[in-house]
PDB file of all heavy atoms in Angstrom:
ATOM      1  N   LYS A   1       0.818  -1.213   0.000  1.00  0.00           N
ATOM      2  CA  LYS A   1       0.000   0.000   0.000  1.00  0.00           C
ATOM      3  C   LYS A   1       0.859   1.274   0.000  1.00  0.00           C
ATOM      4  O   LYS A   1       0.334   2.380  -0.137  1.00  0.00           O
ATOM      5  CB  LYS A   1      -0.924   0.023   1.213  1.00  0.00           C
ATOM      6  CG  LYS A   1      -1.960  -1.106   1.211  1.00  0.00           C
ATOM      7  CD  LYS A   1      -2.845  -1.025   2.445  1.00  0.00           C
ATOM      8  CE  LYS A   1      -3.869  -2.161   2.457  1.00  0.00           C
ATOM      9  NZ  LYS A   1      -4.695  -2.117   3.688  1.00  0.00           N
ATOM     10  N   LEU A   2       2.163   1.124   0.160  1.00  0.00           N
ATOM     11  CA  LEU A   2       3.045   2.278   0.259  1.00  0.00           C
ATOM     12  C   LEU A   2       3.226   2.953  -1.104  1.00  0.00           C
ATOM     13  O   LEU A   2       3.488   2.292  -2.100  1.00  0.00           O
ATOM     14  CB  LEU A   2       4.413   1.833   0.794  1.00  0.00           C
ATOM     15  CG  LEU A   2       5.471   2.922   0.955  1.00  0.00           C
ATOM     16  CD1 LEU A   2       5.045   3.952   2.000  1.00  0.00           C
ATOM     17  CD2 LEU A   2       6.812   2.298   1.355  1.00  0.00           C
ATOM     18  N   ALA A   3       3.087   4.276  -1.114  1.00  0.00           N
ATOM     19  CA  ALA A   3       3.286   5.044  -2.354  1.00  0.00           C
ATOM     20  C   ALA A   3       4.189   6.233  -2.065  1.00  0.00           C
ATOM     21  O   ALA A   3       4.122   6.830  -0.987  1.00  0.00           O
ATOM     22  CB  ALA A   3       1.950   5.542  -2.893  1.00  0.00           C
ATOM     23  N   VAL A   4       5.043   6.564  -3.026  1.00  0.00           N
ATOM     24  CA  VAL A   4       5.815   7.807  -2.923  1.00  0.00           C
ATOM     25  C   VAL A   4       4.868   8.945  -3.279  1.00  0.00           C
ATOM     26  O   VAL A   4       4.479   9.108  -4.430  1.00  0.00           O
ATOM     27  CB  VAL A   4       7.039   7.784  -3.850  1.00  0.00           C
ATOM     28  CG1 VAL A   4       7.733   9.145  -3.831  1.00  0.00           C
ATOM     29  CG2 VAL A   4       8.018   6.696  -3.428  1.00  0.00           C
ATOM     30  N   GLU A   5       4.484   9.694  -2.275  1.00  0.00           N
ATOM     31  CA  GLU A   5       3.501  10.766  -2.477  1.00  0.00           C
ATOM     32  C   GLU A   5       4.111  11.938  -3.235  1.00  0.00           C
ATOM     33  O   GLU A   5       3.422  12.613  -3.992  1.00  0.00           O
ATOM     34  CB  GLU A   5       2.977  11.218  -1.113  1.00  0.00           C
ATOM     35  CG  GLU A   5       1.749  12.074  -1.166  1.00  0.00           C
ATOM     36  CD  GLU A   5       1.142  12.273   0.197  1.00  0.00           C
ATOM     37  OE1 GLU A   5       1.822  12.027   1.220  1.00  0.00           O
ATOM     38  OE2 GLU A   5      -0.027  12.675   0.258  1.00  0.00           O
ATOM     39  N   GLY A   6       5.394  12.153  -3.023  1.00  0.00           N
ATOM     40  CA  GLY A   6       6.028  13.231  -3.761  1.00  0.00           C
ATOM     41  C   GLY A   6       7.323  13.695  -3.132  1.00  0.00           C
ATOM     42  O   GLY A   6       7.672  13.337  -2.006  1.00  0.00           O
ATOM     43  N   ILE A   7       8.049  14.494  -3.902  1.00  0.00           N
ATOM     44  CA  ILE A   7       9.304  15.098  -3.466  1.00  0.00           C
ATOM     45  C   ILE A   7       9.018  16.542  -3.072  1.00  0.00           C
ATOM     46  O   ILE A   7       8.456  17.311  -3.855  1.00  0.00           O
ATOM     47  CB  ILE A   7      10.346  15.041  -4.597  1.00  0.00           C
ATOM     48  CG1 ILE A   7      10.682  13.576  -4.922  1.00  0.00           C
ATOM     49  CG2 ILE A   7      11.602  15.829  -4.229  1.00  0.00           C
ATOM     50  CD1 ILE A   7      11.429  13.390  -6.222  1.00  0.00           C
ATOM     51  N   VAL A   8       9.370  16.888  -1.837  1.00  0.00           N
ATOM     52  CA  VAL A   8       9.133  18.238  -1.323  1.00  0.00           C
ATOM     53  C   VAL A   8      10.419  19.040  -1.477  1.00  0.00           C
ATOM     54  O   VAL A   8      11.424  18.768  -0.815  1.00  0.00           O
ATOM     55  CB  VAL A   8       8.703  18.207   0.156  1.00  0.00           C
ATOM     56  CG1 VAL A   8       8.499  19.637   0.678  1.00  0.00           C
ATOM     57  CG2 VAL A   8       7.433  17.392   0.327  1.00  0.00           C
ATOM     58  N   VAL A   9      10.401  20.019  -2.351  1.00  0.00           N
ATOM     59  CA  VAL A   9      11.572  20.870  -2.572  1.00  0.00           C
ATOM     60  C   VAL A   9      11.656  21.874  -1.433  1.00  0.00           C
ATOM     61  O   VAL A   9      10.754  22.690  -1.240  1.00  0.00           O
ATOM     62  CB  VAL A   9      11.490  21.582  -3.936  1.00  0.00           C
ATOM     63  CG1 VAL A   9      12.664  22.531  -4.113  1.00  0.00           C
ATOM     64  CG2 VAL A   9      11.440  20.555  -5.062  1.00  0.00           C
ATOM     65  N   ASN A  10      12.755  21.812  -0.683  1.00  0.00           N
ATOM     66  CA  ASN A  10      12.896  22.635   0.515  1.00  0.00           C
ATOM     67  C   ASN A  10      14.083  23.591   0.367  1.00  0.00           C
ATOM     68  O   ASN A  10      15.014  23.325  -0.387  1.00  0.00           O
ATOM     69  CB  ASN A  10      13.107  21.723   1.730  1.00  0.00           C
ATOM     70  CG  ASN A  10      12.983  22.465   3.040  1.00  0.00           C
ATOM     71  OD1 ASN A  10      12.227  23.431   3.156  1.00  0.00           O
ATOM     72  ND2 ASN A  10      13.722  22.036   4.049  1.00  0.00           N
ATOM     73  N   GLN A  11      14.027  24.717   1.108  1.00  0.00           N
ATOM     74  CA  GLN A  11      15.089  25.717   1.103  1.00  0.00           C
ATOM     75  C   GLN A  11      15.378  26.193  -0.333  1.00  0.00           C
ATOM     76  O   GLN A  11      16.525  26.343  -0.744  1.00  0.00           O
ATOM     77  CB  GLN A  11      16.365  25.151   1.758  1.00  0.00           C
ATOM     78  CG  GLN A  11      16.131  24.703   3.198  1.00  0.00           C
ATOM     79  CD  GLN A  11      17.353  24.046   3.800  1.00  0.00           C
ATOM     80  OE1 GLN A  11      18.422  24.649   3.825  1.00  0.00           O
ATOM     81  NE2 GLN A  11      17.228  22.819   4.298  1.00  0.00           N
ATOM     82  N   TYR A  12      14.304  26.406  -1.068  1.00  0.00           N
ATOM     83  CA  TYR A  12      14.422  26.762  -2.482  1.00  0.00           C
ATOM     84  C   TYR A  12      14.733  28.244  -2.642  1.00  0.00           C
ATOM     85  O   TYR A  12      14.089  29.096  -2.037  1.00  0.00           O
ATOM     86  CB  TYR A  12      13.115  26.431  -3.201  1.00  0.00           C
ATOM     87  CG  TYR A  12      13.153  26.642  -4.689  1.00  0.00           C
ATOM     88  CD1 TYR A  12      13.905  25.811  -5.507  1.00  0.00           C
ATOM     89  CD2 TYR A  12      12.424  27.674  -5.285  1.00  0.00           C
ATOM     90  CE1 TYR A  12      13.936  25.988  -6.884  1.00  0.00           C
ATOM     91  CE2 TYR A  12      12.443  27.857  -6.662  1.00  0.00           C
ATOM     92  CZ  TYR A  12      13.203  27.007  -7.456  1.00  0.00           C
ATOM     93  OH  TYR A  12      13.227  27.184  -8.816  1.00  0.00           O
ATOM     94  N   GLN A  13      15.735  28.538  -3.465  1.00  0.00           N
ATOM     95  CA  GLN A  13      16.104  29.924  -3.773  1.00  0.00           C
ATOM     96  C   GLN A  13      15.791  30.174  -5.243  1.00  0.00           C
ATOM     97  O   GLN A  13      16.535  29.752  -6.135  1.00  0.00           O
ATOM     98  CB  GLN A  13      17.579  30.157  -3.462  1.00  0.00           C
ATOM     99  CG  GLN A  13      17.906  30.002  -1.976  1.00  0.00           C
ATOM    100  CD  GLN A  13      19.392  30.104  -1.699  1.00  0.00           C
ATOM    101  OE1 GLN A  13      20.196  29.408  -2.297  1.00  0.00           O
ATOM    102  NE2 GLN A  13      19.743  30.988  -0.774  1.00  0.00           N
ATOM    103  N   ALA A  14      14.700  30.863  -5.476  1.00  0.00           N
ATOM    104  CA  ALA A  14      14.181  31.021  -6.840  1.00  0.00           C
ATOM    105  C   ALA A  14      15.119  31.801  -7.750  1.00  0.00           C
ATOM    106  O   ALA A  14      15.105  31.624  -8.966  1.00  0.00           O
ATOM    107  CB  ALA A  14      12.822  31.709  -6.791  1.00  0.00           C
ATOM    108  N   ARG A  15      15.955  32.650  -7.159  1.00  0.00           N
ATOM    109  CA  ARG A  15      16.842  33.486  -7.983  1.00  0.00           C
ATOM    110  C   ARG A  15      18.175  32.804  -8.292  1.00  0.00           C
ATOM    111  O   ARG A  15      18.966  33.331  -9.078  1.00  0.00           O
ATOM    112  CB  ARG A  15      17.088  34.827  -7.285  1.00  0.00           C
ATOM    113  CG  ARG A  15      15.819  35.661  -7.141  1.00  0.00           C
ATOM    114  CD  ARG A  15      16.117  36.990  -6.476  1.00  0.00           C
ATOM    115  NE  ARG A  15      14.899  37.774  -6.295  1.00  0.00           N
ATOM    116  CZ  ARG A  15      14.868  38.980  -5.719  1.00  0.00           C
ATOM    117  NH1 ARG A  15      16.000  39.524  -5.280  1.00  0.00           N
ATOM    118  NH2 ARG A  15      13.728  39.624  -5.584  1.00  0.00           N
ATOM    119  N   ALA A  16      18.442  31.684  -7.658  1.00  0.00           N
ATOM    120  CA  ALA A  16      19.700  30.965  -7.900  1.00  0.00           C
ATOM    121  C   ALA A  16      19.508  29.974  -9.045  1.00  0.00           C
ATOM    122  O   ALA A  16      18.480  29.302  -9.130  1.00  0.00           O
ATOM    123  CB  ALA A  16      20.141  30.252  -6.627  1.00  0.00           C
ATOM    124  N   SER A  17      20.503  29.866  -9.900  1.00  0.00           N
ATOM    125  CA  SER A  17      20.355  29.028 -11.096  1.00  0.00           C
ATOM    126  C   SER A  17      20.440  27.537 -10.795  1.00  0.00           C
ATOM    127  O   SER A  17      19.729  26.745 -11.415  1.00  0.00           O
ATOM    128  CB  SER A  17      21.411  29.407 -12.134  1.00  0.00           C
ATOM    129  OG  SER A  17      22.715  29.236 -11.596  1.00  0.00           O
ATOM    130  N   LEU A  18      21.284  27.121  -9.833  1.00  0.00           N
ATOM    131  CA  LEU A  18      21.458  25.699  -9.575  1.00  0.00           C
ATOM    132  C   LEU A  18      20.175  25.030  -9.073  1.00  0.00           C
ATOM    133  O   LEU A  18      19.775  23.981  -9.610  1.00  0.00           O
ATOM    134  CB  LEU A  18      22.603  25.458  -8.590  1.00  0.00           C
ATOM    135  CG  LEU A  18      22.856  23.981  -8.246  1.00  0.00           C
ATOM    136  CD1 LEU A  18      23.224  23.183  -9.495  1.00  0.00           C
ATOM    137  CD2 LEU A  18      23.964  23.855  -7.192  1.00  0.00           C
ATOM    138  N   PRO A  19      19.476  25.595  -8.068  1.00  0.00           N
ATOM    139  CA  PRO A  19      18.220  24.962  -7.640  1.00  0.00           C
ATOM    140  C   PRO A  19      17.215  24.829  -8.782  1.00  0.00           C
ATOM    141  O   PRO A  19      16.567  23.784  -8.920  1.00  0.00           O
ATOM    142  CB  PRO A  19      17.694  25.902  -6.551  1.00  0.00           C
ATOM    143  CG  PRO A  19      18.904  26.581  -6.027  1.00  0.00           C
ATOM    144  CD  PRO A  19      19.809  26.743  -7.201  1.00  0.00           C
ATOM    145  N   GLN A  20      17.086  25.868  -9.603  1.00  0.00           N
ATOM    146  CA  GLN A  20      16.161  25.802 -10.734  1.00  0.00           C
ATOM    147  C   GLN A  20      16.526  24.666 -11.682  1.00  0.00           C
ATOM    148  O   GLN A  20      15.671  23.904 -12.132  1.00  0.00           O
ATOM    149  CB  GLN A  20      16.172  27.126 -11.507  1.00  0.00           C
ATOM    150  CG  GLN A  20      15.596  28.301 -10.744  1.00  0.00           C
ATOM    151  CD  GLN A  20      15.612  29.570 -11.577  1.00  0.00           C
ATOM    152  OE1 GLN A  20      15.265  29.561 -12.753  1.00  0.00           O
ATOM    153  NE2 GLN A  20      16.031  30.670 -10.979  1.00  0.00           N
ATOM    154  N   LYS A  21      17.824  24.553 -11.974  1.00  0.00           N
ATOM    155  CA  LYS A  21      18.313  23.535 -12.903  1.00  0.00           C
ATOM    156  C   LYS A  21      18.061  22.129 -12.350  1.00  0.00           C
ATOM    157  O   LYS A  21      17.545  21.251 -13.061  1.00  0.00           O
ATOM    158  CB  LYS A  21      19.807  23.752 -13.153  1.00  0.00           C
ATOM    159  CG  LYS A  21      20.469  22.703 -14.049  1.00  0.00           C
ATOM    160  CD  LYS A  21      21.936  23.080 -14.280  1.00  0.00           C
ATOM    161  CE  LYS A  21      22.640  22.031 -15.126  1.00  0.00           C
ATOM    162  NZ  LYS A  21      22.851  20.779 -14.376  1.00  0.00           N
ATOM    163  N   VAL A  22      18.418  21.910 -11.075  1.00  0.00           N
ATOM    164  CA  VAL A  22      18.283  20.576 -10.475  1.00  0.00           C
ATOM    165  C   VAL A  22      16.819  20.154 -10.405  1.00  0.00           C
ATOM    166  O   VAL A  22      16.462  19.023 -10.768  1.00  0.00           O
ATOM    167  CB  VAL A  22      18.923  20.545  -9.064  1.00  0.00           C
ATOM    168  CG1 VAL A  22      18.609  19.233  -8.359  1.00  0.00           C
ATOM    169  CG2 VAL A  22      20.427  20.732  -9.164  1.00  0.00           C
ATOM    170  N   VAL A  23      15.957  21.057  -9.968  1.00  0.00           N
ATOM    171  CA  VAL A  23      14.531  20.727  -9.854  1.00  0.00           C
ATOM    172  C   VAL A  23      13.921  20.457 -11.229  1.00  0.00           C
ATOM    173  O   VAL A  23      13.139  19.518 -11.405  1.00  0.00           O
ATOM    174  CB  VAL A  23      13.768  21.852  -9.124  1.00  0.00           C
ATOM    175  CG1 VAL A  23      12.259  21.610  -9.184  1.00  0.00           C
ATOM    176  CG2 VAL A  23      14.221  21.940  -7.669  1.00  0.00           C
ATOM    177  N   GLN A  24      14.278  21.263 -12.214  1.00  0.00           N
ATOM    178  CA  GLN A  24      13.748  21.062 -13.560  1.00  0.00           C
ATOM    179  C   GLN A  24      14.171  19.702 -14.117  1.00  0.00           C
ATOM    180  O   GLN A  24      13.381  19.019 -14.790  1.00  0.00           O
ATOM    181  CB  GLN A  24      14.225  22.180 -14.493  1.00  0.00           C
ATOM    182  CG  GLN A  24      13.607  22.140 -15.881  1.00  0.00           C
ATOM    183  CD  GLN A  24      12.084  22.188 -15.862  1.00  0.00           C
ATOM    184  OE1 GLN A  24      11.473  22.898 -15.071  1.00  0.00           O
ATOM    185  NE2 GLN A  24      11.454  21.397 -16.745  1.00  0.00           N
ATOM    186  N   GLU A  25      15.390  19.287 -13.833  1.00  0.00           N
ATOM    187  CA  GLU A  25      15.862  17.977 -14.296  1.00  0.00           C
ATOM    188  C   GLU A  25      15.071  16.839 -13.639  1.00  0.00           C
ATOM    189  O   GLU A  25      14.761  15.836 -14.287  1.00  0.00           O
ATOM    190  CB  GLU A  25      17.358  17.833 -14.021  1.00  0.00           C
ATOM    191  CG  GLU A  25      18.204  18.679 -14.963  1.00  0.00           C
ATOM    192  CD  GLU A  25      19.675  18.691 -14.586  1.00  0.00           C
ATOM    193  OE1 GLU A  25      20.013  18.179 -13.488  1.00  0.00           O
ATOM    194  OE2 GLU A  25      20.487  19.222 -15.370  1.00  0.00           O
ATOM    195  N   LEU A  26      14.732  16.993 -12.362  1.00  0.00           N
ATOM    196  CA  LEU A  26      13.911  15.979 -11.689  1.00  0.00           C
ATOM    197  C   LEU A  26      12.537  15.869 -12.357  1.00  0.00           C
ATOM    198  O   LEU A  26      12.016  14.771 -12.566  1.00  0.00           O
ATOM    199  CB  LEU A  26      13.735  16.320 -10.208  1.00  0.00           C
ATOM    200  CG  LEU A  26      14.976  16.285  -9.314  1.00  0.00           C
ATOM    201  CD1 LEU A  26      14.593  16.624  -7.882  1.00  0.00           C
ATOM    202  CD2 LEU A  26      15.664  14.936  -9.364  1.00  0.00           C
ATOM    203  N   ILE A  27      11.963  17.019 -12.679  1.00  0.00           N
ATOM    204  CA  ILE A  27      10.643  17.038 -13.332  1.00  0.00           C
ATOM    205  C   ILE A  27      10.720  16.367 -14.698  1.00  0.00           C
ATOM    206  O   ILE A  27       9.860  15.561 -15.066  1.00  0.00           O
ATOM    207  CB  ILE A  27      10.130  18.493 -13.455  1.00  0.00           C
ATOM    208  CG1 ILE A  27       9.840  19.070 -12.063  1.00  0.00           C
ATOM    209  CG2 ILE A  27       8.876  18.546 -14.326  1.00  0.00           C
ATOM    210  CD1 ILE A  27       9.570  20.563 -12.064  1.00  0.00           C
ATOM    211  N   GLU A  28      11.778  16.686 -15.443  1.00  0.00           N
ATOM    212  CA  GLU A  28      11.936  16.113 -16.779  1.00  0.00           C
ATOM    213  C   GLU A  28      12.152  14.598 -16.740  1.00  0.00           C
ATOM    214  O   GLU A  28      11.825  13.888 -17.694  1.00  0.00           O
ATOM    215  CB  GLU A  28      13.104  16.793 -17.494  1.00  0.00           C
ATOM    216  CG  GLU A  28      12.789  18.226 -17.897  1.00  0.00           C
ATOM    217  CD  GLU A  28      14.004  18.977 -18.425  1.00  0.00           C
ATOM    218  OE1 GLU A  28      15.103  18.369 -18.460  1.00  0.00           O
ATOM    219  OE2 GLU A  28      13.852  20.167 -18.781  1.00  0.00           O
ATOM    220  N   GLU A  29      12.676  14.107 -15.634  1.00  0.00           N
ATOM    221  CA  GLU A  29      12.854  12.666 -15.468  1.00  0.00           C
ATOM    222  C   GLU A  29      11.560  11.961 -15.047  1.00  0.00           C
ATOM    223  O   GLU A  29      11.525  10.749 -14.900  1.00  0.00           O
ATOM    224  CB  GLU A  29      13.943  12.394 -14.424  1.00  0.00           C
ATOM    225  CG  GLU A  29      15.338  12.745 -14.903  1.00  0.00           C
ATOM    226  CD  GLU A  29      16.372  12.652 -13.794  1.00  0.00           C
ATOM    227  OE1 GLU A  29      16.067  12.034 -12.751  1.00  0.00           O
ATOM    228  OE2 GLU A  29      17.483  13.187 -13.963  1.00  0.00           O
ATOM    229  N   GLY A  30      10.514  12.744 -14.854  1.00  0.00           N
ATOM    230  CA  GLY A  30       9.215  12.163 -14.502  1.00  0.00           C
ATOM    231  C   GLY A  30       9.028  11.900 -13.026  1.00  0.00           C
ATOM    232  O   GLY A  30       8.082  11.191 -12.635  1.00  0.00           O
ATOM    233  N   LEU A  31       9.888  12.458 -12.172  1.00  0.00           N
ATOM    234  CA  LEU A  31       9.764  12.250 -10.731  1.00  0.00           C
ATOM    235  C   LEU A  31       8.654  13.143 -10.167  1.00  0.00           C
ATOM    236  O   LEU A  31       8.409  14.243 -10.674  1.00  0.00           O
ATOM    237  CB  LEU A  31      11.093  12.534 -10.039  1.00  0.00           C
ATOM    238  CG  LEU A  31      12.219  11.560 -10.409  1.00  0.00           C
ATOM    239  CD1 LEU A  31      13.527  11.974  -9.765  1.00  0.00           C
ATOM    240  CD2 LEU A  31      11.861  10.132 -10.014  1.00  0.00           C
ATOM    241  N   PRO A  32       7.972  12.682  -9.116  1.00  0.00           N
ATOM    242  CA  PRO A  32       6.795  13.408  -8.599  1.00  0.00           C
ATOM    243  C   PRO A  32       7.165  14.600  -7.717  1.00  0.00           C
ATOM    244  O   PRO A  32       7.027  14.559  -6.491  1.00  0.00           O
ATOM    245  CB  PRO A  32       6.060  12.330  -7.792  1.00  0.00           C
ATOM    246  CG  PRO A  32       7.153  11.431  -7.304  1.00  0.00           C
ATOM    247  CD  PRO A  32       8.191  11.403  -8.402  1.00  0.00           C
ATOM    248  N   VAL A  33       7.618  15.669  -8.337  1.00  0.00           N
ATOM    249  CA  VAL A  33       7.987  16.877  -7.598  1.00  0.00           C
ATOM    250  C   VAL A  33       6.724  17.656  -7.256  1.00  0.00           C
ATOM    251  O   VAL A  33       5.922  17.989  -8.136  1.00  0.00           O
ATOM    252  CB  VAL A  33       8.948  17.748  -8.425  1.00  0.00           C
ATOM    253  CG1 VAL A  33       9.283  19.033  -7.679  1.00  0.00           C
ATOM    254  CG2 VAL A  33      10.220  16.965  -8.753  1.00  0.00           C
ATOM    255  N   LEU A  34       6.543  17.950  -5.980  1.00  0.00           N
ATOM    256  CA  LEU A  34       5.338  18.638  -5.515  1.00  0.00           C
ATOM    257  C   LEU A  34       5.507  20.156  -5.571  1.00  0.00           C
ATOM    258  O   LEU A  34       6.604  20.677  -5.415  1.00  0.00           O
ATOM    259  CB  LEU A  34       5.016  18.217  -4.082  1.00  0.00           C
ATOM    260  CG  LEU A  34       4.660  16.741  -3.869  1.00  0.00           C
ATOM    261  CD1 LEU A  34       4.646  16.407  -2.386  1.00  0.00           C
ATOM    262  CD2 LEU A  34       3.307  16.419  -4.499  1.00  0.00           C
ATOM    263  N   GLU A  35       4.407  20.833  -5.773  1.00  0.00           N
ATOM    264  CA  GLU A  35       4.390  22.294  -5.698  1.00  0.00           C
ATOM    265  C   GLU A  35       3.420  22.723  -4.613  1.00  0.00           C
ATOM    266  O   GLU A  35       2.457  22.031  -4.342  1.00  0.00           O
ATOM    267  CB  GLU A  35       3.973  22.884  -7.053  1.00  0.00           C
ATOM    268  CG  GLU A  35       5.004  22.656  -8.147  1.00  0.00           C
ATOM    269  CD  GLU A  35       4.674  23.471  -9.390  1.00  0.00           C
ATOM    270  OE1 GLU A  35       4.685  24.716  -9.289  1.00  0.00           O
ATOM    271  OE2 GLU A  35       4.404  22.859 -10.429  1.00  0.00           O
ATOM    272  N   PRO A  36       3.655  23.878  -3.980  1.00  0.00           N
ATOM    273  CA  PRO A  36       4.752  24.798  -4.249  1.00  0.00           C
ATOM    274  C   PRO A  36       6.061  24.331  -3.602  1.00  0.00           C
ATOM    275  O   PRO A  36       6.059  23.451  -2.747  1.00  0.00           O
ATOM    276  CB  PRO A  36       4.270  26.090  -3.586  1.00  0.00           C
ATOM    277  CG  PRO A  36       3.464  25.601  -2.414  1.00  0.00           C
ATOM    278  CD  PRO A  36       2.763  24.369  -2.908  1.00  0.00           C
ATOM    279  N   TYR A  37       7.162  24.949  -4.025  1.00  0.00           N
ATOM    280  CA  TYR A  37       8.445  24.711  -3.396  1.00  0.00           C
ATOM    281  C   TYR A  37       8.521  25.567  -2.125  1.00  0.00           C
ATOM    282  O   TYR A  37       7.917  26.633  -2.057  1.00  0.00           O
ATOM    283  CB  TYR A  37       9.594  25.084  -4.332  1.00  0.00           C
ATOM    284  CG  TYR A  37       9.466  24.499  -5.724  1.00  0.00           C
ATOM    285  CD1 TYR A  37       9.978  25.171  -6.835  1.00  0.00           C
ATOM    286  CD2 TYR A  37       8.829  23.272  -5.938  1.00  0.00           C
ATOM    287  CE1 TYR A  37       9.869  24.645  -8.112  1.00  0.00           C
ATOM    288  CE2 TYR A  37       8.704  22.740  -7.210  1.00  0.00           C
ATOM    289  CZ  TYR A  37       9.212  23.426  -8.297  1.00  0.00           C
ATOM    290  OH  TYR A  37       9.091  22.903  -9.563  1.00  0.00           O
ATOM    291  N   LEU A  38       9.242  25.073  -1.126  1.00  0.00           N
ATOM    292  CA  LEU A  38       9.352  25.789   0.146  1.00  0.00           C
ATOM    293  C   LEU A  38      10.578  26.698   0.125  1.00  0.00           C
ATOM    294  O   LEU A  38      11.700  26.238  -0.078  1.00  0.00           O
ATOM    295  CB  LEU A  38       9.452  24.791   1.304  1.00  0.00           C
ATOM    296  CG  LEU A  38       8.277  23.813   1.431  1.00  0.00           C
ATOM    297  CD1 LEU A  38       8.549  22.788   2.536  1.00  0.00           C
ATOM    298  CD2 LEU A  38       6.965  24.553   1.712  1.00  0.00           C
ATOM    299  N   SER A  39      10.338  27.972   0.327  1.00  0.00           N
ATOM    300  CA  SER A  39      11.409  28.964   0.237  1.00  0.00           C
ATOM    301  C   SER A  39      12.402  28.845   1.391  1.00  0.00           C
ATOM    302  O   SER A  39      12.062  28.397   2.489  1.00  0.00           O
ATOM    303  CB  SER A  39      10.826  30.377   0.250  1.00  0.00           C
ATOM    304  OG  SER A  39       9.938  30.566  -0.824  1.00  0.00           O
ATOM    305  N   SER A  40      13.617  29.285   1.117  1.00  0.00           N
ATOM    306  CA  SER A  40      14.611  29.433   2.176  1.00  0.00           C
ATOM    307  C   SER A  40      14.279  30.704   2.958  1.00  0.00           C
ATOM    308  O   SER A  40      14.057  31.762   2.372  1.00  0.00           O
ATOM    309  CB  SER A  40      16.001  29.535   1.552  1.00  0.00           C
ATOM    310  OG  SER A  40      16.980  29.721   2.535  1.00  0.00           O
ATOM    311  N   SER A  41      14.198  30.594   4.286  1.00  0.00           N
ATOM    312  CA  SER A  41      13.829  31.763   5.091  1.00  0.00           C
ATOM    313  C   SER A  41      14.436  31.671   6.489  1.00  0.00           C
ATOM    314  O   SER A  41      14.404  30.620   7.124  1.00  0.00           O
ATOM    315  CB  SER A  41      12.304  31.866   5.211  1.00  0.00           C
ATOM    316  OG  SER A  41      11.948  32.892   6.110  1.00  0.00           O
ATOM    317  N   ILE A  42      14.962  32.789   6.963  1.00  0.00           N
ATOM    318  CA  ILE A  42      15.507  32.860   8.319  1.00  0.00           C
ATOM    319  C   ILE A  42      14.396  32.719   9.361  1.00  0.00           C
ATOM    320  O   ILE A  42      14.636  32.366  10.524  1.00  0.00           O
ATOM    321  CB  ILE A  42      16.282  34.191   8.512  1.00  0.00           C
ATOM    322  CG1 ILE A  42      17.158  34.153   9.752  1.00  0.00           C
ATOM    323  CG2 ILE A  42      15.322  35.370   8.550  1.00  0.00           C
ATOM    324  CD1 ILE A  42      18.343  33.223   9.645  1.00  0.00           C
ATOM    325  N   LYS A  43      13.153  32.966   8.943  1.00  0.00           N
ATOM    326  CA  LYS A  43      12.015  32.914   9.871  1.00  0.00           C
ATOM    327  C   LYS A  43      11.841  31.524  10.470  1.00  0.00           C
ATOM    328  O   LYS A  43      11.359  31.388  11.591  1.00  0.00           O
ATOM    329  CB  LYS A  43      10.742  33.328   9.123  1.00  0.00           C
ATOM    330  CG  LYS A  43       9.558  33.651  10.034  1.00  0.00           C
ATOM    331  CD  LYS A  43       9.739  34.980  10.731  1.00  0.00           C
ATOM    332  CE  LYS A  43       8.483  35.392  11.490  1.00  0.00           C
ATOM    333  NZ  LYS A  43       8.665  36.680  12.194  1.00  0.00           N
ATOM    334  N   ILE A  44      12.264  30.494   9.742  1.00  0.00           N
ATOM    335  CA  ILE A  44      12.077  29.135  10.241  1.00  0.00           C
ATOM    336  C   ILE A  44      12.923  28.894  11.490  1.00  0.00           C
ATOM    337  O   ILE A  44      12.541  28.117  12.373  1.00  0.00           O
ATOM    338  CB  ILE A  44      12.373  28.087   9.143  1.00  0.00           C
ATOM    339  CG1 ILE A  44      11.738  26.750   9.502  1.00  0.00           C
ATOM    340  CG2 ILE A  44      13.865  27.931   8.897  1.00  0.00           C
ATOM    341  CD1 ILE A  44      10.232  26.751   9.504  1.00  0.00           C
TER     342      ILE A  44
END
């Protein structure tokens, strides 16, 4: 009954190129990336 519900992208920096590139590659590979992505924040 176990299912991979999804990949939670954490500490995401939208203005940095590497996070965008890595996440996009996961999506293109068909992996279940969930939205929205969780931003990096000092508030946590």
